Amino acid sequence: MESNAKIQISFIRDDPGLVVRGDTADEVDTLIASALPIYKKFRDAVDKGKVNQANVKAEAAGLSAVCKTCQAQMVLKKGVSKIGKPWSGLFCPNADRNDKTSHLPVWL
């Protein structure tokens, strides 16, 4: 299906995305300004849902959904590895990919 929409908010792999298409830079700026508040509300709702899912999963597993390093509310993420194995875990939103010693995920 081909789409000629100027603004698209998508939901791929449990993450929202925003696509803006315009014929000029000014048009793109105008479209972004009008779409960004809506996109932020959508993204915040998705994040709130992930936090709620994290709490439910953590409670079911007898775990805490709070980061041991910074006390931030952890978020549930899930996916499929390169070899096709499903995974899920609780992840701190303040984690740094390069720091392997703090903000550690909790695998479910």
Protein backbone atom coordinates (compact mmCIF):
# COMPACT_ATOMS: atom_id res chain seq x y z
CA MET A 1 0.00 0.00 0.00
CA GLU A 2 1.43 3.35 -1.03
CA SER A 3 0.95 6.34 1.20
CA ASN A 4 1.31 9.97 0.23
CA ALA A 5 0.59 11.28 3.71
CA LYS A 6 2.66 14.24 4.83
CA ILE A 7 2.64 13.12 8.48
CA GLN A 8 2.69 9.54 9.75
CA ILE A 9 2.91 8.26 13.29
CA SER A 10 3.79 4.58 13.27
CA PHE A 11 4.14 1.86 15.87
CA ILE A 12 6.88 -0.63 15.07
CA ARG A 13 8.35 -3.15 17.54
CA ASP A 14 6.54 -1.53 20.47
CA ASP A 15 8.09 1.88 19.72
CA PRO A 16 6.38 4.90 18.17
CA GLY A 17 7.92 6.68 15.20
CA LEU A 18 7.23 9.94 13.39
CA VAL A 19 7.67 10.47 9.64
CA VAL A 20 7.23 13.91 8.11
CA ARG A 21 7.39 14.56 4.36
CA GLY A 22 7.38 17.95 2.73
CA ASP A 23 8.30 19.56 -0.55
CA THR A 24 10.34 22.34 1.07
CA ALA A 25 12.26 22.82 4.30
CA ASP A 26 9.69 25.41 5.42
CA GLU A 27 6.85 22.96 4.84
CA VAL A 28 8.66 20.27 6.85
CA ASP A 29 9.24 22.74 9.70
CA THR A 30 5.54 23.68 9.72
CA LEU A 31 4.44 20.04 9.65
CA ILE A 32 6.81 19.09 12.47
CA ALA A 33 5.55 21.98 14.60
CA SER A 34 1.96 20.81 14.16
CA ALA A 35 2.65 17.06 14.57
CA LEU A 36 5.12 17.11 17.44
CA PRO A 37 2.63 17.76 20.28
CA ILE A 38 0.40 14.90 19.07
CA TYR A 39 3.38 12.59 18.66
CA LYS A 40 4.65 13.41 22.17
CA LYS A 41 1.25 12.55 23.68
CA PHE A 42 1.22 9.26 21.77
CA ARG A 43 4.78 8.42 22.84
CA ASP A 44 4.03 9.29 26.49
CA ALA A 45 0.95 7.03 26.44
CA VAL A 46 3.04 4.18 24.99
CA ASP A 47 5.74 4.71 27.64
CA LYS A 48 3.12 4.74 30.41
CA GLY A 49 1.76 1.45 29.08
CA LYS A 50 5.25 -0.05 29.08
CA VAL A 51 5.76 0.99 32.70
CA ASN A 52 2.43 -0.58 33.65
CA GLN A 53 3.36 -3.80 31.83
CA ALA A 54 6.73 -3.78 33.60
CA ASN A 55 5.06 -3.56 37.00
CA VAL A 56 2.69 -6.43 36.22
CA LYS A 57 5.47 -8.67 34.86
CA ALA A 58 7.79 -7.87 37.75
CA GLU A 59 5.13 -8.60 40.36
CA ALA A 60 4.26 -11.88 38.65
CA ALA A 61 7.93 -12.90 38.75
CA GLY A 62 8.37 -11.72 42.34
CA LEU A 63 10.73 -8.93 41.26
CA SER A 64 10.88 -5.17 41.62
CA ALA A 65 10.33 -2.92 38.58
CA VAL A 66 12.56 -0.22 40.07
CA CYS A 67 16.20 0.27 38.99
CA LYS A 68 18.60 -0.65 41.80
CA THR A 69 21.04 2.07 40.71
CA CYS A 70 18.83 5.16 40.38
CA GLN A 71 15.37 4.07 41.64
CA ALA A 72 13.78 4.95 38.27
CA GLN A 73 10.73 3.01 37.11
CA MET A 74 11.89 0.30 34.70
CA VAL A 75 10.23 -0.32 31.33
CA LEU A 76 9.25 -3.66 29.81
CA LYS A 77 10.84 -4.40 26.45
CA LYS A 78 10.55 -7.58 24.43
CA GLY A 79 11.72 -8.87 21.09
CA VAL A 80 13.23 -11.75 19.16
CA SER A 81 16.97 -12.45 18.95
CA LYS A 82 18.85 -12.95 15.68
CA ILE A 83 18.46 -16.71 16.08
CA GLY A 84 14.72 -16.42 16.64
CA LYS A 85 14.63 -16.79 20.43
CA PRO A 86 12.07 -14.52 22.14
CA TRP A 87 13.34 -12.33 24.99
CA SER A 88 11.84 -9.89 27.48
CA GLY A 89 13.22 -7.81 30.30
CA LEU A 90 12.88 -4.75 32.46
CA PHE A 91 15.17 -1.90 31.43
CA CYS A 92 16.11 1.35 33.16
CA PRO A 93 15.37 4.43 31.03
CA ASN A 94 18.60 6.00 32.36
CA ALA A 95 20.83 3.12 31.26
CA ASP A 96 23.89 3.78 29.11
CA ARG A 97 24.68 1.07 26.55
CA ASN A 98 28.41 1.49 27.19
CA ASP A 99 28.12 1.12 30.98
CA LYS A 100 27.79 -2.59 31.78
CA THR A 101 28.05 -2.15 35.57
CA SER A 102 25.03 -0.04 36.53
CA HIS A 103 21.35 0.26 35.55
CA LEU A 104 21.38 -3.47 34.79
CA PRO A 105 18.33 -5.01 33.10
CA VAL A 106 16.21 -7.67 34.77
CA TRP A 107 15.62 -10.52 32.32
CA LEU A 108 12.26 -12.23 32.45
